[in-house]
Amino acid sequence: MIGKAGDSVRVEHAEVLDRDGNFYNVNYRTAEAHTVYTLSGEGEEHYRPYFTFHGFRYARITLSGTAKILAVHSVPISSVTEQKASFTSGNALVDRLVLNTVWSQRGNFIEVPTDCPQRDERLGWTGDAQVFAGTALYLADAHGFLVKYVRDIMADQREDGSVPHVVPDPTRQQPEFYPGFYGSTGWGDAIAVIPWQLYLHYGDEDILAEALPAMIRWVDFVWSISDGPIVSPPRQWGARGFSFGDWLQPSGPSAKPLPTIGDDAAATLYLHITAKLVARIAAIVGDTATADRLATMAAKVKDAFQREFITASGRLAYDDQTSYALAILHDLVPEEHLDAAKRYFKATIARAEGRIGTGFIGTPALLPALLKIGEVGLAADVFLQEEVPGWLYQVKMGATTIWERWDAIQADGTIYNPQMNSYNHYAYGAVCQWLLEAVAGFRPDPEQPGFARIIFEPTIIPDLSPVAASHQSPRGPIAAAWSVEGNKVRYDVDIPPETYGVLKLAHGYSDITVDGCAFTGSDLLPGQHVVTFTFVPPRRAAKEDFQINARTP
């Protein structure tokens, strides 16, 4: 840039334009999000900020006096710059969703995993990080990044075992303004979930051992909230054990909102999930006494949950998508009630007209739970529908990163309340883990972590054909691709050296061959393999099906 002394260049930043095409950054709240440079008038001048960064998609430059811009460069910064996974399909919206997730991770993984890179917040929310950790470790080499974050959590953990909502935690410096900003289930569980994901992806047992004492203190804290297996968090912000529940869970039409999970059910579910997980971790690192104690705790919570939140007919108390998804995925529904719970679960989706009814903690469980009960077609319906709330809706609306809210921009272009509305929040991008592990069909085996053994278990959704995915694992490159012709599937896998694969195909996939020979159930050795099989295409619902079947069974 050039100009006279005293001339200025002002650069402002925004994520979106309003529906009239105007520059819009009201959602940045108190963040000024601008840079002003005053020229010296001494020839060509250059400037870049060194002590801050800006999250933006659009920039507005205003010149004063005779100032002229000679060149502008936007320089992305991130702690995870190299993409380690890919996913492509026959659906361009899905492919863009994956790319949006990559960019949301890059823009938020800068020293700590922030919720957003732009507004007056940019905090390391633990809940966002725990639901996204598995996806993060596929899309980038985030091992060192997340190990450091786990240590940050340990450093900020309170004496009573509670974990802050945000880490690093600036609120502890001003408790008079942010009292009790810690202790939410689903958020504090990051202390166990993130090390577990690091173990799955890298075989890192050291971080399990290092973080185990903090995990134990967290689980004991959650139990202590109500001094028992049913956790009843207080509703008041700042109260001990306050819970965000299933944050930003959509509730449907305002005239007759859909049910949402209660904080007590959400907190109790997470106590069971994490107590069981920490028991498993303790066993891995050789702490058998803790493993036994927490396994017993998890069993007590499971029994109490079933008595408190499951009716005699098999319906869950809050009768919402998150309750069924988490309870089914984590085996909290008794066998005698499972068939009924499946029907009630499907009815919650019908009432929502085939759309998502989950928030931050329920969304990562929704599609895996549907697959677990054999509802491949319904999972495809929910994932591929293009209306709000839905993953593909935001892509259709022009998103280039993942939104914080399902309804961040309405269909008519109206922008949601700017008081809490970010267009770069990675949490809902956790669906990419499902695309890689369930649709493309590869994942690490917990019994031989770090991809020493790879489980191949694809889910065939014909509307996505052809699918191709890859991951640069610590053991080497993994690839899987499938295509459909009629009821025939060709599934190509590539296994890195010094590892091996296990092929698991769902019931109903038949006539299986591997490299031209009938499949005998043996392991897949390193190298490339061609698997073929036949299948019955899953039934995709018509819109009227949701209306007809929306009644409670």
Protein backbone atom coordinates (compact mmCIF):
# COMPACT_ATOMS: atom_id res chain seq x y z
CA MET A 1 0.00 0.00 0.00
CA ILE A 2 1.08 3.55 -0.58
CA GLY A 3 -0.21 6.95 0.47
CA LYS A 4 0.54 10.13 2.35
CA ALA A 5 1.47 10.32 5.99
CA GLY A 6 -1.67 10.10 8.10
CA ASP A 7 -3.72 8.26 5.49
CA SER A 8 -5.26 5.05 6.82
CA VAL A 9 -6.33 1.59 5.76
CA ARG A 10 -9.11 -0.04 7.73
CA VAL A 11 -9.79 -3.78 7.36
CA GLU A 12 -12.97 -5.26 8.86
CA HIS A 13 -13.89 -8.93 9.00
CA ALA A 14 -17.14 -10.90 8.68
CA GLU A 15 -18.36 -14.46 8.14
CA VAL A 16 -21.49 -13.80 6.12
CA LEU A 17 -23.36 -11.25 4.08
CA ASP A 18 -26.96 -10.51 4.98
CA ARG A 19 -29.78 -11.46 2.63
CA ASP A 20 -29.40 -8.12 0.81
CA GLY A 21 -25.71 -8.76 0.23
CA ASN A 22 -24.51 -6.32 2.88
CA PHE A 23 -21.39 -6.83 5.00
CA TYR A 24 -22.55 -8.36 8.30
CA ASN A 25 -20.59 -9.07 11.47
CA VAL A 26 -23.09 -8.23 14.20
CA ASN A 27 -22.68 -11.81 15.42
CA TYR A 28 -19.11 -10.96 16.46
CA ARG A 29 -20.76 -9.19 19.40
CA THR A 30 -18.21 -6.99 21.23
CA ALA A 31 -15.24 -8.15 19.15
CA GLU A 32 -14.23 -5.16 17.02
CA ALA A 33 -12.62 -7.53 14.49
CA HIS A 34 -10.84 -4.83 12.55
CA THR A 35 -7.36 -3.54 11.90
CA VAL A 36 -6.46 0.10 11.25
CA TYR A 37 -3.08 0.97 9.77
CA THR A 38 -1.88 4.55 9.55
CA LEU A 39 0.60 5.16 6.75
CA SER A 40 3.94 6.89 7.32
CA GLY A 41 4.00 8.18 3.76
CA GLU A 42 7.49 6.75 3.18
CA GLY A 43 6.99 4.79 -0.02
CA GLU A 44 5.53 1.30 -0.27
CA GLU A 45 4.42 -0.05 3.09
CA HIS A 46 3.50 -3.54 4.29
CA TYR A 47 1.56 -4.74 7.33
CA ARG A 48 0.46 -7.99 8.89
CA PRO A 49 -0.86 -8.56 12.45
CA TYR A 50 1.50 -10.46 14.73
CA PHE A 51 -0.38 -10.44 18.02
CA THR A 52 -3.85 -11.50 16.93
CA PHE A 53 -5.71 -13.36 14.21
CA HIS A 54 -9.13 -12.95 12.65
CA GLY A 55 -11.75 -15.52 11.72
CA PHE A 56 -13.55 -14.42 8.58
CA ARG A 57 -14.82 -15.23 5.13
CA TYR A 58 -15.30 -11.66 3.94
CA ALA A 59 -13.12 -8.59 4.46
CA ARG A 60 -14.09 -4.97 3.88
CA ILE A 61 -11.30 -2.48 3.23
CA THR A 62 -11.86 1.25 3.69
CA LEU A 63 -9.23 3.78 2.57
CA SER A 64 -8.80 7.36 3.68
CA GLY A 65 -7.01 10.18 1.88
CA THR A 66 -4.89 9.06 -1.05
CA ALA A 67 -4.13 5.57 0.30
CA LYS A 68 -4.02 2.82 -2.31
CA ILE A 69 -3.88 -0.96 -1.91
CA LEU A 70 -1.25 -2.66 -4.06
CA ALA A 71 -1.90 -6.25 -2.92
CA VAL A 72 -3.90 -8.18 -0.31
CA HIS A 73 -3.07 -11.66 0.94
CA SER A 74 -5.13 -13.82 3.26
CA VAL A 75 -2.86 -16.21 5.18
CA PRO A 76 -4.59 -19.15 6.92
CA ILE A 77 -2.93 -20.18 10.17
CA SER A 78 -3.47 -23.40 12.09
CA SER A 79 -1.74 -25.90 14.34
CA VAL A 80 -2.99 -28.69 12.02
CA THR A 81 -2.18 -27.72 8.46
CA GLU A 82 -1.83 -31.10 6.74
CA GLN A 83 -5.02 -33.00 5.87
CA LYS A 84 -4.74 -36.67 6.85
CA ALA A 85 -8.05 -38.03 5.58
CA SER A 86 -10.32 -37.74 2.57
CA PHE A 87 -13.89 -38.71 1.75
CA THR A 88 -15.66 -38.39 -1.57
CA SER A 89 -19.00 -39.71 -2.74
CA GLY A 90 -21.59 -39.39 -5.45
CA ASN A 91 -23.19 -36.50 -3.55
CA ALA A 92 -21.47 -33.12 -3.98
CA LEU A 93 -23.16 -31.68 -0.86
CA VAL A 94 -21.71 -34.44 1.30
CA ASP A 95 -18.24 -33.88 -0.14
CA ARG A 96 -18.53 -30.16 0.62
CA LEU A 97 -19.67 -30.95 4.17
CA VAL A 98 -16.45 -32.90 4.72
CA LEU A 99 -14.36 -30.06 3.33
CA ASN A 100 -16.25 -27.59 5.55
CA THR A 101 -15.32 -29.71 8.55
CA VAL A 102 -11.66 -29.71 7.54
CA TRP A 103 -11.68 -25.91 7.38
CA SER A 104 -13.53 -25.55 10.68
CA GLN A 105 -10.93 -27.73 12.35
CA ARG A 106 -8.08 -25.75 10.83
CA GLY A 107 -9.59 -22.44 11.84
CA ASN A 108 -10.24 -23.55 15.42
CA PHE A 109 -7.21 -25.73 16.13
CA ILE A 110 -4.81 -22.88 16.86
CA GLU A 111 -2.87 -23.79 20.03
CA VAL A 112 -6.13 -24.93 21.67
CA PRO A 113 -9.37 -26.32 20.18
CA THR A 114 -11.56 -23.22 20.26
CA ASP A 115 -15.29 -23.20 19.64
CA CYS A 116 -15.00 -20.35 17.12
CA PRO A 117 -12.18 -18.21 15.73
CA GLN A 118 -13.96 -14.91 15.24
CA ARG A 119 -16.22 -13.42 17.92
CA ASP A 120 -15.52 -12.19 21.46
CA GLU A 121 -15.07 -15.72 22.75
CA ARG A 122 -12.58 -18.03 21.00
CA LEU A 123 -12.51 -20.33 24.02
CA GLY A 124 -11.45 -23.95 24.37
CA TRP A 125 -14.88 -25.41 25.12
CA THR A 126 -14.38 -28.93 26.44
CA GLY A 127 -17.73 -30.25 25.20
CA ASP A 128 -16.99 -29.34 21.59
CA ALA A 129 -13.57 -30.95 21.84
CA GLN A 130 -14.78 -34.23 23.33
CA VAL A 131 -17.46 -34.88 20.69
CA PHE A 132 -15.07 -33.97 17.87
CA ALA A 133 -11.85 -35.65 19.06
CA GLY A 134 -12.32 -38.81 17.01
CA THR A 135 -13.00 -36.84 13.83
CA ALA A 136 -10.08 -34.52 14.56
CA LEU A 137 -7.62 -37.40 14.74
CA TYR A 138 -8.74 -38.69 11.35
CA LEU A 139 -8.62 -35.35 9.56
CA ALA A 140 -5.26 -34.18 10.89
CA ASP A 141 -2.24 -35.33 12.84
CA ALA A 142 -3.55 -33.85 16.07
CA HIS A 143 -1.76 -36.17 18.50
CA GLY A 144 0.59 -33.63 20.04
CA PHE A 145 -2.07 -30.94 19.87
CA LEU A 146 -4.63 -32.96 21.86
CA VAL A 147 -2.08 -34.39 24.31
CA LYS A 148 -1.19 -30.79 25.16
CA TYR A 149 -4.89 -29.96 25.54
CA VAL A 150 -5.46 -32.91 27.90
CA ARG A 151 -2.63 -31.54 30.05
CA ASP A 152 -4.28 -28.12 29.96
CA ILE A 153 -7.49 -29.73 31.25
CA MET A 154 -5.58 -31.45 34.04
CA ALA A 155 -3.95 -28.16 35.02
CA ASP A 156 -7.32 -26.37 35.20
CA GLN A 157 -9.24 -29.14 36.97
CA ARG A 158 -10.64 -27.92 40.30
CA GLU A 159 -9.81 -29.49 43.65
CA ASP A 160 -13.18 -31.24 43.83
CA GLY A 161 -12.56 -32.95 40.45
CA SER A 162 -14.81 -30.69 38.38
CA VAL A 163 -13.56 -29.73 34.92
CA PRO A 164 -14.04 -26.19 33.56
CA HIS A 165 -16.41 -25.59 30.67
CA VAL A 166 -13.50 -23.92 28.85
CA VAL A 167 -9.80 -24.79 28.92
CA PRO A 168 -7.53 -22.89 29.30
CA ASP A 169 -9.87 -21.30 31.82
CA PRO A 170 -9.70 -17.51 32.05
CA THR A 171 -12.82 -17.38 34.22
CA ARG A 172 -10.90 -18.49 37.31
CA GLN A 173 -9.23 -15.07 37.27
CA GLN A 174 -12.62 -13.33 37.55
CA PRO A 175 -14.92 -15.64 39.55
CA GLU A 176 -17.12 -12.70 40.49
CA PHE A 177 -18.18 -12.41 36.83
CA TYR A 178 -18.13 -16.13 35.95
CA PRO A 179 -18.98 -18.06 39.12
CA GLY A 180 -18.97 -21.82 38.91
CA PHE A 181 -17.93 -22.01 35.27
CA TYR A 182 -17.13 -25.72 35.56
CA GLY A 183 -18.67 -29.12 36.22
CA SER A 184 -20.99 -29.81 33.26
CA THR A 185 -21.48 -33.40 32.19
CA GLY A 186 -20.77 -33.88 28.49
CA TRP A 187 -18.15 -31.16 28.78
CA GLY A 188 -15.92 -32.31 31.63
CA ASP A 189 -15.98 -35.83 30.17
CA ALA A 190 -13.36 -34.56 27.72
CA ILE A 191 -10.79 -35.56 30.35
CA ALA A 192 -11.55 -39.23 29.59
CA VAL A 193 -12.86 -39.21 26.02
CA ILE A 194 -9.95 -37.36 24.41
CA PRO A 195 -7.21 -39.61 25.92
CA TRP A 196 -9.27 -42.63 24.83
CA GLN A 197 -9.40 -41.38 21.26
CA LEU A 198 -5.64 -40.75 21.35
CA TYR A 199 -5.21 -44.35 22.49
CA LEU A 200 -7.43 -45.70 19.70
CA HIS A 201 -5.67 -43.74 16.97
CA TYR A 202 -2.07 -43.81 18.21
CA GLY A 203 -1.93 -46.62 20.74
CA ASP A 204 -0.83 -43.97 23.26
CA GLU A 205 -1.06 -45.75 26.60
CA ASP A 206 1.08 -43.09 28.29
CA ILE A 207 -1.61 -40.42 28.04
CA LEU A 208 -4.12 -42.86 29.55
CA ALA A 209 -1.86 -43.43 32.56
CA GLU A 210 -1.03 -39.73 32.89
CA ALA A 211 -4.64 -38.56 32.80
CA LEU A 212 -6.21 -41.46 34.77
CA PRO A 213 -6.09 -39.73 38.18
CA ALA A 214 -7.88 -36.70 36.69
CA MET A 215 -10.46 -38.98 35.06
CA ILE A 216 -11.18 -40.70 38.37
CA ARG A 217 -11.61 -37.37 40.16
CA TRP A 218 -14.03 -36.23 37.45
CA VAL A 219 -16.21 -39.35 37.64
CA ASP A 220 -16.33 -39.13 41.43
CA PHE A 221 -17.29 -35.46 41.16
CA VAL A 222 -20.24 -36.27 38.87
CA TRP A 223 -21.42 -38.98 41.27
CA SER A 224 -21.20 -36.46 44.12
CA ILE A 225 -23.50 -33.90 42.42
CA SER A 226 -26.52 -35.79 43.71
CA ASP A 227 -24.66 -38.31 45.87
CA GLY A 228 -25.81 -41.27 43.86
CA PRO A 229 -26.26 -42.91 40.49
CA ILE A 230 -29.05 -40.58 39.28
CA VAL A 231 -27.50 -37.19 38.57
CA SER A 232 -29.87 -34.24 38.97
CA PRO A 233 -27.94 -31.11 37.94
CA PRO A 234 -29.11 -27.75 39.25
CA ARG A 235 -30.66 -25.52 36.64
CA GLN A 236 -28.98 -22.30 37.79
CA TRP A 237 -25.83 -21.15 35.97
CA GLY A 238 -22.87 -21.33 38.31
CA ALA A 239 -24.43 -23.83 40.67
CA ARG A 240 -22.36 -26.89 41.51
CA GLY A 241 -22.83 -29.47 38.75
CA PHE A 242 -24.78 -27.21 36.37
CA SER A 243 -25.15 -29.04 33.04
CA PHE A 244 -25.53 -27.80 29.49
CA GLY A 245 -27.45 -31.00 28.70
CA ASP A 246 -27.79 -31.56 24.97
CA TRP A 247 -26.78 -28.07 23.97
CA LEU A 248 -28.65 -26.50 21.03
CA GLN A 249 -31.00 -29.43 20.64
CA PRO A 250 -33.64 -28.26 18.12
CA SER A 251 -37.18 -28.35 19.44
CA GLY A 252 -39.25 -28.11 16.26
CA PRO A 253 -42.20 -25.76 15.67
CA SER A 254 -42.67 -23.17 18.42
CA ALA A 255 -46.43 -23.85 18.42
CA LYS A 256 -45.80 -27.42 19.58
CA PRO A 257 -42.13 -28.06 20.38
CA LEU A 258 -40.76 -31.59 20.19
CA PRO A 259 -39.51 -33.29 23.38
CA THR A 260 -35.90 -32.74 24.41
CA ILE A 261 -33.80 -34.71 26.84
CA GLY A 262 -33.77 -33.56 30.45
CA ASP A 263 -30.56 -32.58 32.17
CA ASP A 264 -30.96 -35.43 34.66
CA ALA A 265 -31.16 -38.10 31.96
CA ALA A 266 -28.30 -36.56 29.98
CA ALA A 267 -26.07 -36.29 33.05
CA THR A 268 -26.87 -39.82 34.22
CA LEU A 269 -26.19 -41.22 30.75
CA TYR A 270 -22.81 -39.54 30.67
CA LEU A 271 -21.93 -40.73 34.17
CA HIS A 272 -22.50 -44.28 32.97
CA ILE A 273 -20.61 -43.76 29.70
CA THR A 274 -17.55 -42.25 31.36
CA ALA A 275 -17.46 -44.48 34.45
CA LYS A 276 -17.50 -47.51 32.15
CA LEU A 277 -14.83 -45.98 29.91
CA VAL A 278 -12.53 -45.04 32.80
CA ALA A 279 -12.91 -48.54 34.23
CA ARG A 280 -11.69 -49.89 30.89
CA ILE A 281 -8.81 -47.42 30.82
CA ALA A 282 -7.80 -48.31 34.37
CA ALA A 283 -7.69 -51.99 33.41
CA ILE A 284 -5.45 -51.19 30.42
CA VAL A 285 -2.90 -49.34 32.56
CA GLY A 286 -2.99 -52.00 35.28
CA ASP A 287 -5.02 -50.26 38.00
CA THR A 288 -7.33 -53.19 38.73
CA ALA A 289 -8.76 -51.74 41.95
CA THR A 290 -10.01 -48.63 40.13
CA ALA A 291 -11.20 -50.72 37.21
CA ASP A 292 -13.32 -52.85 39.53
CA ARG A 293 -14.68 -49.88 41.50
CA LEU A 294 -15.73 -47.88 38.47
CA ALA A 295 -17.15 -50.91 36.67
CA THR A 296 -19.33 -51.44 39.74
CA MET A 297 -20.29 -47.76 39.67
CA ALA A 298 -21.21 -47.97 35.99
CA ALA A 299 -23.39 -51.02 36.67
CA LYS A 300 -25.20 -49.16 39.47
CA VAL A 301 -25.82 -46.18 37.21
CA LYS A 302 -27.10 -48.46 34.45
CA ASP A 303 -29.52 -50.17 36.81
CA ALA A 304 -30.70 -46.83 38.22
CA PHE A 305 -31.12 -45.34 34.75
CA GLN A 306 -33.28 -48.24 33.66
CA ARG A 307 -35.51 -47.89 36.73
CA GLU A 308 -35.74 -44.09 36.52
CA PHE A 309 -35.91 -43.35 32.81
CA ILE A 310 -37.37 -46.42 31.05
CA THR A 311 -41.09 -47.15 31.38
CA ALA A 312 -42.68 -50.59 31.50
CA SER A 313 -43.59 -50.23 27.83
CA GLY A 314 -39.98 -49.56 26.81
CA ARG A 315 -40.40 -45.83 26.22
CA LEU A 316 -37.73 -43.50 27.55
CA ALA A 317 -38.92 -40.79 29.90
CA TYR A 318 -38.18 -37.80 27.68
CA ASP A 319 -39.05 -39.65 24.46
CA ASP A 320 -36.57 -37.70 22.34
CA GLN A 321 -33.92 -38.62 19.78
CA THR A 322 -30.92 -37.99 22.04
CA SER A 323 -32.26 -40.20 24.85
CA TYR A 324 -32.78 -43.17 22.53
CA ALA A 325 -29.56 -42.65 20.56
CA LEU A 326 -27.29 -42.53 23.61
CA ALA A 327 -29.13 -45.23 25.56
CA ILE A 328 -29.18 -47.66 22.62
CA LEU A 329 -25.61 -46.95 21.52
CA HIS A 330 -24.27 -47.53 25.04
CA ASP A 331 -26.39 -50.60 25.82
CA LEU A 332 -28.54 -49.04 28.53
CA VAL A 333 -31.84 -50.48 27.26
CA PRO A 334 -32.69 -53.94 28.68
CA GLU A 335 -33.13 -56.71 26.16
CA GLU A 336 -36.82 -57.11 27.01
CA HIS A 337 -37.46 -53.45 26.14
CA LEU A 338 -35.16 -53.13 23.14
CA ASP A 339 -37.71 -53.81 20.38
CA ALA A 340 -40.14 -51.30 21.87
CA ALA A 341 -37.38 -48.72 22.37
CA LYS A 342 -36.42 -49.11 18.71
CA ARG A 343 -39.99 -48.33 17.67
CA TYR A 344 -40.19 -45.31 19.94
CA PHE A 345 -36.80 -44.13 18.64
CA LYS A 346 -38.01 -44.30 15.05
CA ALA A 347 -41.20 -42.48 16.04
CA THR A 348 -39.15 -39.54 17.37
CA ILE A 349 -37.63 -39.16 13.92
CA ALA A 350 -41.00 -39.49 12.23
CA ARG A 351 -42.41 -36.71 14.42
CA ALA A 352 -39.50 -34.52 13.29
CA GLU A 353 -40.36 -35.35 9.65
CA GLY A 354 -37.11 -37.22 9.17
CA ARG A 355 -34.95 -34.43 10.53
CA ILE A 356 -32.35 -34.15 13.26
CA GLY A 357 -33.60 -33.67 16.80
CA THR A 358 -30.26 -33.74 18.59
CA GLY A 359 -27.76 -31.20 19.92
CA PHE A 360 -24.06 -31.29 20.75
CA ILE A 361 -23.98 -34.54 22.74
CA GLY A 362 -26.75 -36.39 20.93
CA THR A 363 -25.75 -35.71 17.33
CA PRO A 364 -22.59 -37.89 17.23
CA ALA A 365 -24.65 -40.81 18.57
CA LEU A 366 -27.68 -40.45 16.29
CA LEU A 367 -26.56 -42.15 13.08
CA PRO A 368 -24.43 -44.83 14.80
CA ALA A 369 -27.44 -45.75 16.95
CA LEU A 370 -29.68 -46.07 13.90
CA LEU A 371 -27.15 -48.38 12.28
CA LYS A 372 -26.91 -50.40 15.49
CA ILE A 373 -30.63 -51.18 15.33
CA GLY A 374 -30.36 -52.05 11.63
CA GLU A 375 -32.04 -48.89 10.29
CA VAL A 376 -29.63 -48.11 7.44
CA GLY A 377 -32.35 -46.53 5.31
CA LEU A 378 -33.53 -44.29 8.12
CA ALA A 379 -29.96 -43.20 8.88
CA ALA A 380 -29.58 -42.30 5.21
CA ASP A 381 -32.88 -40.38 5.30
CA VAL A 382 -31.78 -38.29 8.28
CA PHE A 383 -28.30 -37.64 6.96
CA LEU A 384 -29.19 -36.82 3.36
CA GLN A 385 -32.29 -34.67 3.89
CA GLU A 386 -31.54 -31.08 2.90
CA GLU A 387 -33.87 -29.01 5.09
CA VAL A 388 -33.23 -27.38 8.44
CA PRO A 389 -32.22 -28.89 10.80
CA GLY A 390 -29.78 -30.95 8.78
CA TRP A 391 -26.13 -31.25 7.84
CA LEU A 392 -26.70 -30.64 4.15
CA TYR A 393 -29.02 -27.67 4.65
CA GLN A 394 -26.14 -25.42 5.66
CA VAL A 395 -24.11 -26.56 2.65
CA LYS A 396 -27.02 -25.66 0.36
CA MET A 397 -27.11 -22.26 2.04
CA GLY A 398 -23.52 -21.64 0.98
CA ALA A 399 -21.62 -22.59 4.14
CA THR A 400 -17.87 -23.07 3.81
CA THR A 401 -17.38 -24.09 7.45
CA ILE A 402 -19.62 -25.81 10.03
CA TRP A 403 -22.27 -23.71 11.75
CA GLU A 404 -22.89 -23.48 15.49
CA ARG A 405 -26.65 -23.66 15.03
CA TRP A 406 -28.70 -25.76 12.67
CA ASP A 407 -30.79 -22.67 11.89
CA ALA A 408 -28.01 -20.05 11.71
CA ILE A 409 -29.53 -18.72 8.48
CA GLN A 410 -33.19 -19.27 7.68
CA ALA A 411 -34.37 -20.48 4.27
CA ASP A 412 -35.39 -16.91 3.38
CA GLY A 413 -31.89 -15.64 4.19
CA THR A 414 -32.84 -14.20 7.58
CA ILE A 415 -29.94 -14.37 10.05
CA TYR A 416 -30.62 -15.90 13.45
CA ASN A 417 -30.24 -13.86 16.65
CA PRO A 418 -26.63 -12.61 16.56
CA GLN A 419 -26.17 -12.99 20.32
CA MET A 420 -25.11 -16.61 19.80
CA ASN A 421 -24.58 -17.43 16.19
CA SER A 422 -21.25 -18.56 14.79
CA TYR A 423 -20.60 -19.85 11.28
CA ASN A 424 -17.41 -21.65 12.22
CA HIS A 425 -18.06 -24.20 14.98
CA TYR A 426 -16.69 -27.67 14.28
CA ALA A 427 -18.85 -29.74 16.69
CA TYR A 428 -21.52 -30.91 14.21
CA GLY A 429 -18.73 -31.87 11.82
CA ALA A 430 -18.24 -34.91 14.08
CA VAL A 431 -20.48 -36.70 11.56
CA CYS A 432 -17.32 -37.14 9.46
CA GLN A 433 -16.23 -39.83 11.89
CA TRP A 434 -19.39 -41.72 10.95
CA LEU A 435 -18.69 -41.21 7.24
CA LEU A 436 -15.21 -42.70 7.58
CA GLU A 437 -15.89 -45.45 10.11
CA ALA A 438 -19.40 -46.54 9.13
CA VAL A 439 -19.93 -45.55 5.50
CA ALA A 440 -16.42 -46.01 4.10
CA GLY A 441 -16.02 -48.62 6.80
CA PHE A 442 -12.61 -48.52 8.48
CA ARG A 443 -11.71 -47.92 12.12
CA PRO A 444 -9.04 -48.88 14.68
CA ASP A 445 -9.61 -51.99 16.77
CA PRO A 446 -9.60 -51.11 20.51
CA GLU A 447 -7.99 -54.47 21.26
CA GLN A 448 -5.04 -53.60 19.02
CA PRO A 449 -5.08 -49.80 18.88
CA GLY A 450 -3.11 -47.41 16.72
CA PHE A 451 -4.43 -49.23 13.62
CA ALA A 452 -2.31 -52.29 14.40
CA ARG A 453 -5.49 -54.10 13.41
CA ILE A 454 -8.06 -52.37 11.23
CA ILE A 455 -11.73 -53.25 11.23
CA PHE A 456 -13.38 -52.93 7.81
CA GLU A 457 -17.18 -52.75 8.07
CA PRO A 458 -18.82 -50.67 5.32
CA THR A 459 -22.42 -49.51 5.32
CA ILE A 460 -23.78 -49.41 1.79
CA ILE A 461 -26.00 -46.41 1.07
CA PRO A 462 -26.61 -46.52 -2.70
CA ASP A 463 -27.39 -42.80 -2.90
CA LEU A 464 -23.77 -42.09 -1.94
CA SER A 465 -22.17 -44.42 -4.50
CA PRO A 466 -19.33 -44.30 -5.43
CA VAL A 467 -17.61 -43.75 -2.07
CA ALA A 468 -13.84 -43.42 -1.63
CA ALA A 469 -12.00 -42.60 1.60
CA SER A 470 -8.48 -42.64 2.94
CA HIS A 471 -6.54 -41.95 6.11
CA GLN A 472 -2.84 -41.49 6.70
CA SER A 473 -2.63 -43.50 9.91
CA PRO A 474 0.44 -43.86 12.16
CA ARG A 475 0.94 -47.26 10.49
CA GLY A 476 0.65 -45.94 6.96
CA PRO A 477 -2.05 -45.11 4.42
CA ILE A 478 -5.45 -46.80 4.71
CA ALA A 479 -7.93 -46.64 1.87
CA ALA A 480 -11.41 -47.98 1.27
CA ALA A 481 -13.80 -47.47 -1.64
CA TRP A 482 -17.05 -49.03 -2.75
CA SER A 483 -19.45 -48.75 -5.64
CA VAL A 484 -22.87 -50.22 -6.28
CA GLU A 485 -24.31 -51.76 -9.41
CA GLY A 486 -27.79 -53.12 -8.84
CA ASN A 487 -27.50 -55.30 -5.75
CA LYS A 488 -23.78 -55.95 -6.30
CA VAL A 489 -21.06 -54.13 -4.36
CA ARG A 490 -17.35 -53.90 -5.06
CA TYR A 491 -15.35 -52.90 -1.99
CA ASP A 492 -11.65 -52.09 -2.45
CA VAL A 493 -9.40 -51.82 0.60
CA ASP A 494 -5.72 -50.97 1.00
CA ILE A 495 -3.98 -52.08 4.20
CA PRO A 496 -0.59 -50.63 5.21
CA PRO A 497 2.46 -52.81 5.95
CA GLU A 498 2.96 -54.38 9.38
CA THR A 499 -0.75 -54.37 10.14
CA TYR A 500 -3.77 -56.40 9.09
CA GLY A 501 -7.50 -56.10 8.63
CA VAL A 502 -10.65 -57.80 9.85
CA LEU A 503 -13.64 -57.83 7.49
CA LYS A 504 -17.06 -57.56 9.12
CA LEU A 505 -20.16 -57.39 6.95
CA ALA A 506 -23.67 -56.77 8.21
CA HIS A 507 -26.32 -59.45 8.22
CA GLY A 508 -27.86 -59.55 4.78
CA TYR A 509 -24.62 -58.97 2.90
CA SER A 510 -24.01 -62.28 1.13
CA ASP A 511 -22.07 -64.08 -1.61
CA ILE A 512 -18.86 -62.58 -0.24
CA THR A 513 -15.59 -63.00 -2.10
CA VAL A 514 -12.12 -61.64 -1.38
CA ASP A 515 -9.76 -61.38 -4.33
CA GLY A 516 -11.99 -63.73 -6.30
CA CYS A 517 -12.22 -66.45 -3.64
CA ALA A 518 -15.06 -67.22 -1.26
CA PHE A 519 -14.53 -65.40 2.03
CA THR A 520 -13.63 -67.79 4.83
CA GLY A 521 -13.46 -65.33 7.67
CA SER A 522 -9.68 -65.08 7.67
CA ASP A 523 -7.78 -61.87 8.30
CA LEU A 524 -6.86 -59.50 5.50
CA LEU A 525 -3.09 -59.19 5.08
CA PRO A 526 -1.30 -55.94 4.12
CA GLY A 527 -1.82 -54.78 0.57
CA GLN A 528 -4.77 -54.25 -1.75
CA HIS A 529 -7.85 -56.43 -1.74
CA VAL A 530 -11.05 -56.56 -3.75
CA VAL A 531 -14.15 -57.63 -1.83
CA THR A 532 -17.44 -58.29 -3.62
CA PHE A 533 -20.85 -59.10 -2.17
CA THR A 534 -24.56 -58.76 -2.77
CA PHE A 535 -26.96 -56.83 -0.57
CA VAL A 536 -30.56 -55.73 -0.29
CA PRO A 537 -30.68 -51.95 -0.82
CA PRO A 538 -32.10 -50.18 2.27
CA ARG A 539 -35.54 -48.69 1.88
CA ARG A 540 -35.53 -44.89 1.75
CA ALA A 541 -38.67 -43.29 3.13
CA ALA A 542 -40.95 -40.93 1.25
CA LYS A 543 -41.95 -37.74 3.04
CA GLU A 544 -45.51 -38.99 3.54
CA ASP A 545 -44.11 -41.99 5.41
CA PHE A 546 -42.93 -39.71 8.18
CA GLN A 547 -46.34 -38.09 8.44
CA ILE A 548 -48.17 -41.44 8.50
CA ASN A 549 -45.81 -43.03 11.03
CA ALA A 550 -45.35 -40.05 13.32
CA ARG A 551 -47.83 -41.33 15.89
CA THR A 552 -46.39 -42.92 19.00
CA PRO A 553 -46.34 -46.74 18.65
